[in-house]
N, C-alpha and C. Protein backbone atom coordinates (compact mmCIF):
# COMPACT_ATOMS: atom_id res chain seq x y z
N UNK A 1 0.60 -1.47 -0.11
CA UNK A 1 0.04 0.24 -0.15
C UNK A 1 1.04 1.32 -0.14
N UNK A 2 0.34 2.07 -0.96
CA UNK A 2 1.42 3.11 -0.99
C UNK A 2 0.90 4.47 0.41
N UNK A 3 1.83 5.57 0.36
CA UNK A 3 0.97 6.59 1.29
C UNK A 3 0.06 7.08 0.88
N UNK A 4 -0.18 7.43 -0.21
CA UNK A 4 -1.46 7.81 -0.71
C UNK A 4 -2.51 7.14 -0.32
N UNK A 5 -2.56 5.87 -1.25
CA UNK A 5 -3.58 4.54 -0.95
C UNK A 5 -3.73 4.58 0.87
N UNK A 6 -2.79 4.71 1.49
CA UNK A 6 -3.03 4.65 3.46
C UNK A 6 -3.52 5.29 3.53
N UNK A 7 -3.41 7.15 3.14
CA UNK A 7 -4.38 8.31 3.59
C UNK A 7 -5.40 7.98 3.61
N UNK A 8 -6.32 7.52 2.20
CA UNK A 8 -7.58 7.06 1.42
C UNK A 8 -7.94 6.21 2.47
N UNK A 9 -6.93 5.26 2.73
CA UNK A 9 -7.82 4.00 3.37
C UNK A 9 -8.12 4.62 4.92
N UNK A 10 -7.08 5.14 5.42
CA UNK A 10 -7.67 5.43 7.14
C UNK A 10 -8.38 6.29 6.68
N UNK A 11 -8.92 7.55 6.22
CA UNK A 11 -9.99 8.04 6.04
C UNK A 11 -11.56 7.45 5.47
N UNK A 12 -11.16 6.27 4.94
CA UNK A 12 -12.76 5.57 4.19
C UNK A 12 -12.91 4.67 5.59
N UNK A 13 -11.88 4.13 6.08
CA UNK A 13 -12.19 3.49 7.58
C UNK A 13 -12.82 4.21 8.70
N UNK A 14 -12.68 5.48 9.01
CA UNK A 14 -13.05 6.23 9.68
C UNK A 14 -14.30 6.36 9.38
N UNK A 15 -14.18 7.03 7.96
CA UNK A 15 -15.92 7.38 7.98
C UNK A 15 -17.07 6.04 8.35
N UNK A 16 -16.72 5.08 7.53
CA UNK A 16 -17.33 3.45 8.18
C UNK A 16 -17.63 3.67 9.36
N UNK A 17 -16.65 3.83 10.11
CA UNK A 17 -16.54 3.05 11.71
C UNK A 17 -17.76 4.55 12.34
N UNK A 18 -17.60 5.79 12.07
CA UNK A 18 -18.61 6.83 12.35
C UNK A 18 -20.02 6.72 11.97
N UNK A 19 -19.84 6.52 10.69
CA UNK A 19 -21.27 6.45 10.28
C UNK A 19 -22.02 5.30 10.80
N UNK A 20 -21.53 4.24 11.28
CA UNK A 20 -21.82 3.13 11.52
C UNK A 20 -22.09 2.82 13.48
N UNK A 21 -21.59 3.78 13.79
CA UNK A 21 -21.63 4.43 15.72
C UNK A 21 -20.23 3.60 16.50
N UNK A 22 -19.52 3.23 15.46
CA UNK A 22 -18.42 2.15 16.63
C UNK A 22 -17.83 3.32 16.77
N UNK A 23 -17.43 4.92 16.66
CA UNK A 23 -17.42 5.44 17.65
C UNK A 23 -18.03 7.29 17.20
N UNK A 24 -17.59 7.86 17.78
CA UNK A 24 -18.57 9.51 17.96
C UNK A 24 -17.69 10.32 18.36
N UNK A 25 -18.11 11.65 18.30
CA UNK A 25 -17.31 13.03 18.40
C UNK A 25 -16.13 12.95 17.75
N UNK A 26 -15.21 13.44 18.78
CA UNK A 26 -13.21 13.28 18.41
C UNK A 26 -13.08 12.20 19.15
N UNK A 27 -13.63 11.44 19.71
CA UNK A 27 -12.86 9.70 20.37
C UNK A 27 -12.09 9.16 19.38
N UNK A 28 -11.17 8.03 19.25
CA UNK A 28 -10.87 7.55 18.66
C UNK A 28 -9.63 7.93 17.84
N UNK A 29 -8.95 7.04 16.99
CA UNK A 29 -8.25 7.42 16.13
C UNK A 29 -7.31 6.01 15.08
N UNK A 30 -6.76 6.41 14.38
CA UNK A 30 -6.03 5.48 13.75
C UNK A 30 -4.86 5.52 12.93
N UNK A 31 -4.16 4.35 13.16
CA UNK A 31 -2.83 5.08 12.43
C UNK A 31 -2.33 3.86 11.29
N UNK A 32 -1.22 4.29 10.55
CA UNK A 32 -0.78 3.40 9.72
C UNK A 32 0.73 3.08 9.47
N UNK A 33 1.19 1.99 9.36
CA UNK A 33 2.96 2.03 9.52
C UNK A 33 3.21 1.98 8.05
N UNK A 34 3.93 3.05 7.95
CA UNK A 34 4.53 3.24 6.20
C UNK A 34 5.77 2.24 6.20
N UNK A 35 6.49 2.50 5.42
CA UNK A 35 8.33 2.19 5.48
C UNK A 35 9.09 2.85 5.78
N UNK A 36 8.62 3.87 6.17
CA UNK A 36 9.88 5.02 6.87
C UNK A 36 9.14 5.93 7.40
N UNK A 37 7.95 5.11 8.01
CA UNK A 37 7.26 6.45 9.37
C UNK A 37 6.14 5.89 9.62
N UNK A 38 5.26 7.05 10.21
CA UNK A 38 3.60 6.34 10.34
C UNK A 38 2.53 7.01 9.79
N UNK A 39 1.39 7.16 9.61
CA UNK A 39 0.22 8.40 9.32
C UNK A 39 -0.35 7.82 10.84
N UNK A 40 -0.97 8.65 11.11
CA UNK A 40 -2.03 8.94 12.40
C UNK A 40 -3.09 9.88 12.09
N UNK A 41 -4.42 9.70 12.51
CA UNK A 41 -5.28 10.92 12.60
C UNK A 41 -5.02 12.09 13.94
N UNK A 42 -5.25 13.13 13.29
CA UNK A 42 -4.63 14.22 13.99
C UNK A 42 -5.51 14.41 15.59
N UNK A 43 -5.24 15.00 16.14
CA UNK A 43 -5.82 14.81 17.66
C UNK A 43 -7.15 15.77 17.42
N UNK A 44 -7.64 15.57 18.59
CA UNK A 44 -9.39 16.03 18.27
C UNK A 44 -10.04 16.16 17.09
N UNK A 45 -9.43 14.98 16.07
CA UNK A 45 -10.26 15.13 14.88
C UNK A 45 -11.26 13.98 15.03
N UNK A 46 -12.46 14.17 14.27
CA UNK A 46 -13.88 13.33 14.27
C UNK A 46 -13.42 12.66 12.88
N UNK A 47 -13.09 10.90 13.12
CA UNK A 47 -13.17 10.40 12.48
C UNK A 47 -13.90 10.22 11.35
N UNK A 48 -15.29 10.30 11.41
CA UNK A 48 -16.22 10.76 10.28
C UNK A 48 -15.98 11.89 8.77
N UNK A 49 -14.87 13.13 8.93
CA UNK A 49 -14.67 13.56 8.31
C UNK A 49 -13.12 14.13 8.02
N UNK A 50 -12.34 13.04 8.05
CA UNK A 50 -10.93 13.28 7.94
C UNK A 50 -10.53 13.78 6.34
N UNK A 51 -9.58 14.65 6.72
CA UNK A 51 -8.90 15.45 5.22
C UNK A 51 -7.40 14.49 4.63
N UNK A 52 -7.50 13.38 3.62
CA UNK A 52 -6.00 12.87 3.75
C UNK A 52 -5.05 13.16 3.59
N UNK A 53 -5.12 14.67 3.25
CA UNK A 53 -3.96 15.66 3.30
C UNK A 53 -3.36 16.04 4.98
N UNK A 54 -4.37 16.29 5.50
CA UNK A 54 -4.07 16.70 6.66
C UNK A 54 -3.81 16.04 8.03
N UNK A 55 -3.73 14.81 7.64
CA UNK A 55 -3.19 13.41 8.26
C UNK A 55 -1.62 13.86 8.64
N UNK A 56 -1.72 13.37 10.64
CA UNK A 56 -0.41 13.60 10.64
C UNK A 56 0.56 12.59 10.41
N UNK A 57 2.09 12.98 9.73
CA UNK A 57 3.10 12.12 8.86
C UNK A 57 4.34 12.32 10.29
N UNK A 58 4.78 10.90 10.22
CA UNK A 58 5.52 11.17 11.47
C UNK A 58 7.07 10.44 10.66
N UNK A 59 8.02 10.59 11.24
CA UNK A 59 9.26 9.87 10.45
C UNK A 59 9.67 8.45 11.34
N UNK A 60 10.36 7.36 11.04
CA UNK A 60 10.88 6.47 11.57
C UNK A 60 10.87 6.55 13.29
N UNK A 61 11.15 7.87 13.33
CA UNK A 61 11.67 7.83 14.70
C UNK A 61 10.43 8.23 15.53
N UNK A 62 9.43 8.55 15.21
CA UNK A 62 8.17 9.12 15.40
C UNK A 62 8.08 10.95 15.76
N UNK A 63 8.88 11.31 15.20
CA UNK A 63 8.85 13.17 14.88
C UNK A 63 7.76 13.15 13.83
N UNK A 64 6.90 14.32 14.13
CA UNK A 64 6.21 14.55 12.68
C UNK A 64 6.86 15.65 12.46
N UNK A 65 6.55 15.10 10.70
CA UNK A 65 6.70 15.78 9.88
C UNK A 65 6.34 16.66 9.00
N UNK A 66 4.97 16.33 8.79
CA UNK A 66 3.55 17.29 8.42
C UNK A 66 2.25 16.91 8.85
N UNK A 67 1.32 17.98 8.60
CA UNK A 67 0.49 17.60 8.49
C UNK A 67 -0.59 18.15 10.37
N UNK A 68 -2.03 18.06 9.93
CA UNK A 68 -2.07 18.30 11.48
C UNK A 68 -1.62 17.55 13.04
N UNK A 69 -1.61 18.38 13.94
CA UNK A 69 -0.84 17.48 14.93
C UNK A 69 -0.86 16.26 15.64
N UNK A 70 -0.30 15.18 15.40
CA UNK A 70 -0.74 14.02 15.52
C UNK A 70 -1.43 13.84 17.11
N UNK A 71 -2.32 12.89 16.72
CA UNK A 71 -2.99 12.13 18.32
C UNK A 71 -1.87 11.59 19.36
N UNK A 72 -1.98 12.13 20.53
CA UNK A 72 -1.21 11.93 21.58
C UNK A 72 -0.77 10.45 21.73
N UNK A 73 -1.66 9.14 21.06
CA UNK A 73 -2.24 7.82 21.56
C UNK A 73 -0.64 7.01 20.51
N UNK A 74 -0.11 8.07 19.37
CA UNK A 74 0.64 7.87 18.56
C UNK A 74 2.05 7.16 20.04
N UNK A 75 2.34 7.56 20.72
CA UNK A 75 3.20 6.77 21.31
C UNK A 75 2.72 5.05 21.84
N UNK A 76 1.58 5.04 21.97
CA UNK A 76 1.07 3.58 22.58
C UNK A 76 0.81 2.78 20.82
N UNK A 77 0.88 3.81 19.78
CA UNK A 77 0.49 2.95 18.77
C UNK A 77 2.22 2.01 18.30
N UNK A 78 2.79 3.18 18.19
CA UNK A 78 4.42 3.15 18.30
C UNK A 78 4.82 1.95 18.87
N UNK A 79 4.12 1.69 19.91
CA UNK A 79 5.01 0.53 20.83
C UNK A 79 4.36 -0.52 20.50
N UNK A 80 2.85 -0.51 19.92
CA UNK A 80 1.90 -1.86 19.41
C UNK A 80 3.14 -2.56 18.50
N UNK A 81 3.11 -1.41 17.31
CA UNK A 81 4.52 -1.96 16.19
C UNK A 81 5.20 -2.08 16.77
N UNK A 82 5.90 -1.92 17.34
CA UNK A 82 7.48 -2.55 17.96
C UNK A 82 7.20 -3.87 18.51
N UNK A 83 6.28 -4.42 19.62
CA UNK A 83 6.11 -5.67 19.94
C UNK A 83 5.32 -6.28 19.22
N UNK A 84 4.64 -6.29 18.23
CA UNK A 84 3.72 -7.18 17.40
C UNK A 84 4.63 -7.70 16.72
N UNK A 85 6.14 -6.96 16.07
CA UNK A 85 6.44 -7.06 14.94
C UNK A 85 7.43 -8.54 15.21
N UNK A 86 7.69 -9.39 16.35
CA UNK A 86 7.97 -10.43 16.87
C UNK A 86 7.39 -11.74 16.36
N UNK A 87 6.00 -11.41 16.72
CA UNK A 87 4.96 -12.49 16.02
C UNK A 87 4.01 -11.71 15.09
N UNK A 88 3.84 -11.14 14.28
CA UNK A 88 3.41 -10.88 13.09
C UNK A 88 3.95 -9.42 12.38
N UNK A 89 5.02 -9.66 11.36
CA UNK A 89 6.17 -8.81 10.98
C UNK A 89 4.97 -7.66 9.86
N UNK A 90 3.92 -8.29 9.56
CA UNK A 90 2.88 -7.80 8.66
C UNK A 90 2.14 -6.55 9.50
N UNK A 91 1.94 -6.54 10.64
CA UNK A 91 1.01 -5.79 11.33
C UNK A 91 1.26 -4.23 10.83
N UNK A 92 0.26 -3.71 10.55
CA UNK A 92 0.74 -2.22 9.79
C UNK A 92 -0.24 -1.23 9.83
N UNK A 93 -1.47 -1.62 10.94
CA UNK A 93 -2.73 -0.31 11.27
C UNK A 93 -2.96 -0.65 12.90
N UNK A 94 -3.27 0.16 13.55
CA UNK A 94 -3.81 -0.18 14.81
C UNK A 94 -5.11 1.07 14.69
N UNK A 95 -6.30 0.90 15.49
CA UNK A 95 -7.06 1.60 15.52
C UNK A 95 -7.67 1.41 16.73
N UNK A 96 -8.03 2.74 17.63
CA UNK A 96 -8.51 2.87 18.70
C UNK A 96 -9.53 3.47 18.66
N UNK A 97 -10.81 3.00 19.69
CA UNK A 97 -11.91 3.66 19.67
C UNK A 97 -12.58 3.60 21.08
N UNK A 98 -13.38 4.32 21.43
CA UNK A 98 -14.81 4.36 22.71
C UNK A 98 -15.22 3.64 22.57
N UNK A 99 -15.28 2.33 21.76
CA UNK A 99 -16.48 1.36 21.86
C UNK A 99 -17.45 1.19 23.10
N UNK A 100 -18.44 1.54 22.55
CA UNK A 100 -20.16 1.76 24.16
C UNK A 100 -19.70 0.06 24.68
N UNK A 101 -19.99 -1.15 24.24
CA UNK A 101 -20.29 -2.14 25.14
C UNK A 101 -19.03 -2.65 25.49
N UNK A 102 -17.87 -2.30 24.44
CA UNK A 102 -16.73 -3.07 25.24
C UNK A 102 -16.20 -2.13 26.58
N UNK A 103 -16.39 -0.82 26.93
CA UNK A 103 -15.93 0.20 27.51
C UNK A 103 -17.27 -0.50 28.77
N UNK A 104 -18.31 -0.57 28.52
CA UNK A 104 -19.31 -0.90 29.48
C UNK A 104 -18.47 -1.94 30.36
N UNK A 105 -18.21 -3.04 29.54
CA UNK A 105 -17.87 -4.12 30.58
C UNK A 105 -16.51 -3.89 31.78
N UNK A 106 -16.17 -3.21 31.18
CA UNK A 106 -15.23 -2.45 32.36
C UNK A 106 -15.12 -1.61 33.36
N UNK A 107 -16.29 -1.16 33.52
CA UNK A 107 -16.93 -0.57 34.54
C UNK A 107 -16.77 -1.07 35.76
N UNK A 108 -17.06 -2.17 35.90
CA UNK A 108 -17.46 -2.80 37.20
C UNK A 108 -16.49 -4.06 37.45
N UNK A 109 -15.03 -3.87 38.02
CA UNK A 109 -14.22 -4.93 38.14
C UNK A 109 -14.37 -5.70 36.85
N UNK A 110 -13.65 -5.56 36.08
CA UNK A 110 -13.61 -6.57 34.72
C UNK A 110 -12.50 -7.08 35.10
N UNK A 111 -12.49 -8.50 34.46
CA UNK A 111 -11.32 -9.00 34.99
C UNK A 111 -9.96 -9.00 33.79
N UNK A 112 -8.97 -10.33 34.05
CA UNK A 112 -8.00 -9.93 33.50
C UNK A 112 -8.16 -9.73 31.61
N UNK A 113 -9.14 -10.46 31.49
CA UNK A 113 -9.80 -10.44 29.92
C UNK A 113 -11.08 -10.10 29.59
N UNK A 114 -10.96 -9.43 28.85
CA UNK A 114 -12.42 -8.94 28.52
C UNK A 114 -13.36 -9.81 28.28
N UNK A 115 -13.58 -10.67 27.82
CA UNK A 115 -14.56 -11.50 27.14
C UNK A 115 -14.21 -13.15 27.30
N UNK A 116 -15.17 -13.84 27.61
CA UNK A 116 -14.74 -15.15 27.06
C UNK A 116 -14.95 -15.26 25.94
N UNK A 117 -14.68 -17.30 25.45
CA UNK A 117 -14.94 -17.37 24.21
C UNK A 117 -16.36 -17.39 23.91
N UNK A 118 -16.88 -16.40 23.16
CA UNK A 118 -18.64 -16.71 23.65
C UNK A 118 -18.95 -17.52 22.28
N UNK A 119 -18.30 -17.05 20.90
CA UNK A 119 -19.02 -17.58 19.83
C UNK A 119 -17.85 -17.77 18.87
N UNK A 120 -17.68 -18.86 17.55
CA UNK A 120 -16.70 -19.36 16.95
C UNK A 120 -15.88 -18.33 16.23
N UNK A 121 -16.50 -16.82 15.60
CA UNK A 121 -16.09 -16.32 14.54
C UNK A 121 -15.24 -15.09 16.35
N UNK A 122 -15.51 -14.68 17.15
CA UNK A 122 -14.97 -14.32 18.10
C UNK A 122 -13.61 -14.91 18.77
N UNK A 123 -13.58 -16.42 18.56
CA UNK A 123 -12.30 -16.96 19.02
C UNK A 123 -11.42 -17.12 17.56
N UNK A 124 -12.24 -17.37 16.34
CA UNK A 124 -11.34 -17.26 15.01
C UNK A 124 -10.65 -15.78 14.83
N UNK A 125 -11.38 -14.88 14.77
CA UNK A 125 -11.21 -13.63 14.23
C UNK A 125 -10.26 -12.62 15.17
N UNK A 126 -10.64 -13.05 16.81
CA UNK A 126 -10.32 -12.01 17.51
C UNK A 126 -9.08 -12.48 18.79
N UNK A 127 -9.45 -13.56 19.36
CA UNK A 127 -9.04 -14.19 19.95
C UNK A 127 -8.90 -13.85 21.85
N UNK A 128 -7.90 -13.42 22.43
CA UNK A 128 -7.99 -13.40 23.86
C UNK A 128 -7.91 -11.33 23.76
N UNK A 129 -8.53 -10.98 24.30
CA UNK A 129 -8.43 -9.23 24.60
C UNK A 129 -7.61 -8.95 26.12
N UNK A 130 -6.73 -9.03 26.68
CA UNK A 130 -6.39 -8.89 28.00
C UNK A 130 -7.05 -7.25 28.34
N UNK A 131 -7.51 -7.27 29.71
CA UNK A 131 -7.61 -6.20 30.21
C UNK A 131 -6.12 -5.26 30.82
N UNK A 132 -6.49 -4.00 29.88
CA UNK A 132 -4.88 -3.09 31.16
C UNK A 132 -5.39 -2.34 31.99
N UNK A 133 -5.22 -2.32 33.17
CA UNK A 133 -5.48 -1.42 34.42
C UNK A 133 -6.03 0.21 33.30
N UNK A 134 -6.93 0.93 34.52
CA UNK A 134 -7.02 2.28 34.38
C UNK A 134 -5.53 2.96 34.42
N UNK A 135 -5.14 3.99 33.42
CA UNK A 135 -4.45 5.07 33.08
C UNK A 135 -5.09 6.36 32.38
N UNK A 136 -4.62 7.42 32.76
CA UNK A 136 -5.06 8.77 32.06
C UNK A 136 -4.83 8.11 30.77
N UNK A 137 -5.70 8.88 29.80
CA UNK A 137 -5.26 8.83 27.95
C UNK A 137 -4.27 9.50 28.13
N UNK A 138 -3.07 8.66 27.09
CA UNK A 138 -1.85 8.49 26.78
C UNK A 138 -0.65 8.52 28.12
N UNK A 139 -1.16 8.07 28.89
CA UNK A 139 -0.39 8.03 29.94
C UNK A 139 1.10 7.07 29.28
N UNK A 140 2.32 6.93 29.73
CA UNK A 140 3.53 6.48 29.20
C UNK A 140 3.33 4.51 29.72
N UNK A 141 2.70 4.64 30.93
CA UNK A 141 2.39 3.75 31.74
C UNK A 141 1.57 2.44 31.13
N UNK A 142 0.52 2.88 30.77
CA UNK A 142 -0.45 2.43 29.50
C UNK A 142 0.58 1.48 28.35
N UNK A 143 1.41 2.04 27.74
CA UNK A 143 2.10 2.19 26.89
C UNK A 143 3.20 0.72 26.88
N UNK A 144 3.25 0.57 27.98
CA UNK A 144 4.35 0.25 28.48
C UNK A 144 3.79 -1.52 28.92
N UNK A 145 2.65 -1.40 29.56
CA UNK A 145 1.79 -2.52 30.07
C UNK A 145 1.34 -3.02 28.78
N UNK A 146 0.50 -2.54 27.67
CA UNK A 146 0.28 -3.07 26.29
C UNK A 146 1.72 -3.61 25.82
N UNK A 147 2.67 -3.32 25.72
CA UNK A 147 4.58 -3.74 25.20
C UNK A 147 4.05 -5.35 25.65
N UNK A 148 4.32 -4.99 27.37
CA UNK A 148 4.95 -6.03 27.63
C UNK A 148 3.66 -7.22 28.14
N UNK A 149 2.00 -7.09 27.40
CA UNK A 149 1.53 -8.15 26.96
C UNK A 149 1.25 -8.30 26.47
N UNK A 150 1.55 -7.79 24.91
CA UNK A 150 2.21 -8.57 23.83
C UNK A 150 2.98 -9.70 23.77
N UNK A 151 3.87 -9.24 24.46
CA UNK A 151 4.77 -10.13 24.32
C UNK A 151 4.46 -11.38 25.04
N UNK A 152 3.81 -11.05 26.79
CA UNK A 152 3.85 -12.47 27.37
C UNK A 152 2.60 -13.51 26.70
N UNK A 153 1.92 -12.68 25.82
CA UNK A 153 0.68 -13.70 25.28
C UNK A 153 1.48 -14.37 23.92
N UNK A 154 2.70 -13.75 22.83
CA UNK A 154 2.77 -13.94 22.09
C UNK A 154 3.99 -15.50 22.07
N UNK A 155 4.89 -14.78 23.67
CA UNK A 155 5.48 -15.50 24.37
C UNK A 155 4.95 -17.22 24.55
N UNK A 156 3.40 -16.99 24.89
CA UNK A 156 2.86 -18.25 25.72
C UNK A 156 2.15 -19.04 24.22
N UNK A 157 2.85 -18.47 22.88
CA UNK A 157 1.86 -18.73 21.69
C UNK A 157 0.42 -18.92 21.28
N UNK A 158 -0.02 -17.83 22.17
CA UNK A 158 -1.38 -17.08 21.53
C UNK A 158 -1.21 -15.39 21.70
N UNK A 159 -0.54 -15.19 20.31
CA UNK A 159 -0.23 -13.88 19.86
C UNK A 159 -1.75 -13.26 19.88
N UNK A 160 -1.78 -11.88 20.01
CA UNK A 160 -3.09 -11.18 20.38
C UNK A 160 -3.29 -9.95 19.17
N UNK A 161 -4.51 -9.58 19.05
CA UNK A 161 -4.49 -8.67 17.85
C UNK A 161 -5.29 -7.42 18.65
N UNK A 162 -5.86 -7.64 19.95
CA UNK A 162 -6.47 -6.54 20.88
C UNK A 162 -5.98 -5.86 22.26
N UNK A 163 -5.95 -5.45 22.91
CA UNK A 163 -6.46 -5.12 24.19
C UNK A 163 -7.23 -4.06 24.51
N UNK A 164 -7.85 -3.98 25.47
CA UNK A 164 -8.58 -3.31 25.85
C UNK A 164 -8.53 -2.58 27.53
N UNK A 165 -8.43 -0.75 27.17
CA UNK A 165 -7.94 -0.22 28.06
C UNK A 165 -8.99 0.28 28.94
N UNK A 166 -9.28 -0.13 30.28
CA UNK A 166 -10.23 -0.33 30.70
C UNK A 166 -10.46 1.46 31.31
N UNK A 167 -11.92 1.26 30.87
CA UNK A 167 -12.51 2.96 30.91
C UNK A 167 -12.31 4.17 29.65
N UNK A 168 -11.66 3.18 28.51
CA UNK A 168 -11.27 3.83 27.52
C UNK A 168 -11.87 3.41 26.36
N UNK A 169 -11.50 2.02 26.01
CA UNK A 169 -11.99 1.28 25.30
C UNK A 169 -10.39 0.62 24.35
N UNK A 170 -10.93 -0.51 23.12
CA UNK A 170 -10.17 -0.96 23.10
C UNK A 170 -9.00 -0.40 21.74
N UNK A 171 -7.55 -1.30 21.83
CA UNK A 171 -6.71 -0.92 20.70
C UNK A 171 -7.07 -2.41 19.72
N UNK A 172 -7.04 -2.30 18.29
CA UNK A 172 -6.69 -3.51 17.88
C UNK A 172 -5.98 -2.92 16.48
N UNK A 173 -5.17 -4.43 15.98
CA UNK A 173 -4.29 -4.01 14.99
C UNK A 173 -4.47 -5.19 13.98
N UNK A 174 -4.01 -5.35 12.84
CA UNK A 174 -4.02 -6.19 11.93
C UNK A 174 -3.17 -5.58 10.51
N UNK A 175 -3.29 -6.34 9.52
CA UNK A 175 -2.10 -5.89 8.25
C UNK A 175 -2.74 -4.80 7.86
N UNK A 176 -4.14 -4.92 7.32
CA UNK A 176 -4.82 -3.22 7.02
C UNK A 176 -5.60 -2.98 7.73
N UNK A 177 -6.01 -1.28 7.34
CA UNK A 177 -7.15 -0.63 8.17
C UNK A 177 -8.21 -1.67 8.10
N UNK A 178 -8.84 -2.13 6.80
CA UNK A 178 -9.94 -2.73 6.69
C UNK A 178 -9.94 -4.06 7.23
N UNK A 179 -8.86 -4.80 6.88
CA UNK A 179 -8.69 -6.05 8.73
C UNK A 179 -9.02 -5.53 9.69
N UNK A 180 -8.06 -4.74 10.47
CA UNK A 180 -8.19 -4.18 11.70
C UNK A 180 -9.92 -3.80 12.02
N UNK A 181 -10.20 -3.15 11.15
CA UNK A 181 -11.92 -2.66 11.18
C UNK A 181 -12.78 -4.14 11.53
N UNK A 182 -12.63 -5.02 10.89
CA UNK A 182 -12.96 -6.27 11.13
C UNK A 182 -12.75 -6.87 12.46
N UNK A 183 -11.48 -6.85 12.81
CA UNK A 183 -11.25 -6.98 14.02
C UNK A 183 -12.10 -6.05 15.25
N UNK A 184 -12.07 -5.06 15.48
CA UNK A 184 -12.98 -4.31 16.20
C UNK A 184 -14.61 -4.37 15.78
N UNK A 185 -15.10 -4.51 15.01
CA UNK A 185 -16.29 -4.98 14.83
C UNK A 185 -16.51 -6.03 15.41
N UNK A 186 -16.36 -7.24 14.80
CA UNK A 186 -16.32 -8.41 15.61
C UNK A 186 -16.24 -8.48 17.22
N UNK A 187 -15.27 -7.53 17.89
CA UNK A 187 -14.73 -7.74 19.87
C UNK A 187 -16.14 -6.35 19.69
N UNK A 188 -16.88 -5.43 19.22
CA UNK A 188 -17.26 -4.70 20.08
C UNK A 188 -18.91 -5.38 20.12
N UNK A 189 -19.16 -6.18 18.57
CA UNK A 189 -20.51 -7.12 18.72
C UNK A 189 -20.35 -7.62 19.43
N UNK A 190 -19.29 -8.72 20.24
CA UNK A 190 -18.94 -9.81 20.86
C UNK A 190 -19.31 -9.24 22.33
N UNK A 191 -18.85 -7.90 22.91
CA UNK A 191 -19.13 -7.42 23.69
C UNK A 191 -20.50 -7.20 24.46
N UNK A 192 -21.31 -6.49 22.85
CA UNK A 192 -22.92 -6.34 22.65
C UNK A 192 -23.47 -7.79 23.06
N UNK A 193 -23.18 -8.79 22.49
CA UNK A 193 -23.71 -9.87 22.38
C UNK A 193 -23.60 -10.69 24.36
N UNK A 194 -22.51 -9.92 25.00
CA UNK A 194 -22.11 -10.45 26.29
C UNK A 194 -22.75 -9.84 27.29
N UNK A 195 -23.10 -8.31 27.13
CA UNK A 195 -24.61 -7.78 27.69
C UNK A 195 -25.78 -7.88 27.11
N UNK A 196 -25.83 -8.07 26.43
CA UNK A 196 -28.01 -8.80 26.36
C UNK A 196 -27.98 -9.88 26.76
N UNK A 197 -26.93 -10.56 27.21
CA UNK A 197 -27.02 -12.21 27.50
C UNK A 197 -26.59 -12.51 29.46
N UNK A 198 -25.90 -11.28 29.52
CA UNK A 198 -25.68 -11.78 31.47
C UNK A 198 -26.77 -12.13 32.01
N UNK A 199 -27.83 -11.70 31.47
CA UNK A 199 -29.05 -12.32 33.09
C UNK A 199 -28.58 -13.67 32.83
N UNK A 200 -28.54 -14.31 31.79
CA UNK A 200 -28.96 -15.73 31.22
C UNK A 200 -27.07 -16.78 31.89
N UNK A 201 -25.92 -15.53 31.53
CA UNK A 201 -25.01 -15.93 32.27
C UNK A 201 -24.42 -17.20 31.19
N UNK A 202 -24.24 -16.60 30.07
CA UNK A 202 -24.03 -17.42 28.78
C UNK A 202 -22.22 -18.48 29.05
N UNK A 203 -22.30 -19.64 28.66
CA UNK A 203 -21.22 -20.45 29.03
C UNK A 203 -20.33 -19.91 27.71
N UNK A 204 -19.20 -20.40 27.93
CA UNK A 204 -18.40 -20.26 27.10
C UNK A 204 -17.93 -21.67 26.28
N UNK A 205 -17.46 -21.35 24.94
CA UNK A 205 -17.20 -22.53 24.06
C UNK A 205 -16.10 -23.55 25.13
N UNK A 206 -16.72 -24.55 24.79
CA UNK A 206 -15.44 -25.51 26.05
C UNK A 206 -14.31 -25.73 24.57
N UNK A 207 -13.24 -26.67 25.96
CA UNK A 207 -11.81 -26.43 25.03
C UNK A 207 -11.70 -27.30 24.15
N UNK A 208 -12.30 -28.27 24.14
CA UNK A 208 -13.02 -29.24 23.02
C UNK A 208 -13.37 -28.51 21.59
N UNK A 209 -13.98 -27.70 21.81
CA UNK A 209 -14.73 -26.61 20.72
C UNK A 209 -13.85 -25.86 20.20
N UNK A 210 -13.00 -25.18 21.31
CA UNK A 210 -11.90 -24.31 21.00
C UNK A 210 -10.63 -24.74 19.69
N UNK A 211 -10.70 -25.84 20.65
CA UNK A 211 -9.42 -26.82 20.00
C UNK A 211 -9.76 -27.21 18.48
N UNK A 212 -10.97 -27.57 18.02
CA UNK A 212 -11.38 -27.66 16.93
C UNK A 212 -11.61 -26.79 16.15
N UNK A 213 -11.82 -25.59 16.31
CA UNK A 213 -11.77 -24.32 15.63
C UNK A 213 -10.28 -23.72 15.07
N UNK A 214 -9.64 -24.03 16.16
CA UNK A 214 -7.38 -23.65 16.32
C UNK A 214 -7.58 -25.01 15.01
N UNK A 215 -7.77 -25.96 14.87
CA UNK A 215 -6.94 -26.98 14.19
C UNK A 215 -7.43 -26.97 13.11
N UNK A 216 -9.12 -26.28 12.42
CA UNK A 216 -9.81 -25.93 11.42
C UNK A 216 -9.20 -24.78 10.61
N UNK A 217 -9.33 -23.77 11.76
CA UNK A 217 -9.52 -22.31 10.87
C UNK A 217 -8.53 -21.77 11.17
N UNK A 218 -7.54 -22.04 12.41
CA UNK A 218 -6.26 -21.60 13.06
C UNK A 218 -6.54 -20.14 13.65
N UNK A 219 -7.47 -20.42 14.44
CA UNK A 219 -7.98 -19.93 15.34
C UNK A 219 -7.31 -19.31 16.12
N UNK A 220 -7.01 -18.10 16.77
CA UNK A 220 -5.93 -17.33 17.76
C UNK A 220 -6.33 -17.58 19.25
N UNK A 221 -7.07 -18.37 19.52
CA UNK A 221 -7.77 -18.27 21.23
C UNK A 221 -6.68 -18.92 21.54
């Protein structure tokens, strides 16, 4: 993907997420890793109304070279790119949102992981979603914990594609903006199912069912 293509794709994905209610107001951000740096949505930008020419452009060291002022979460995004490279060198997009149902699940003593293995497609397309304890937006401690968590799960043989920042929202990553958006969509819809079914206390898929998905589809769980 060329830089111009990446600019257009960031804006297309941002608009799609905004129009379908996955982001609101000026919450959320999208970045893409280039061969020689990064693109990221500007601080306080609405993802539904992005201008490709005004996206923040940073060099390989994370120093901004053009565009509107970069979102403060670029520090977290660059840590994610660096940490995931060992387990998936193709990771090239990170999306952060304040997705309603995901955030709601962290408001009352969340566990170590956001969701159990509720559906086959959650197991296949998303996998484990570790919960990161609350830190203020942009806190370097959060970025450090995310990087450590990526390393821990990857080393254990279950590389992750998402983390959940308590009271803030998920960060998801994949090879392209479209693929990262699909992870986010599956994650948010599973969180919505969990909330809808909480009164019934749904059981997760069992170990044999998860193993079958892993063997058949290469599930990430």
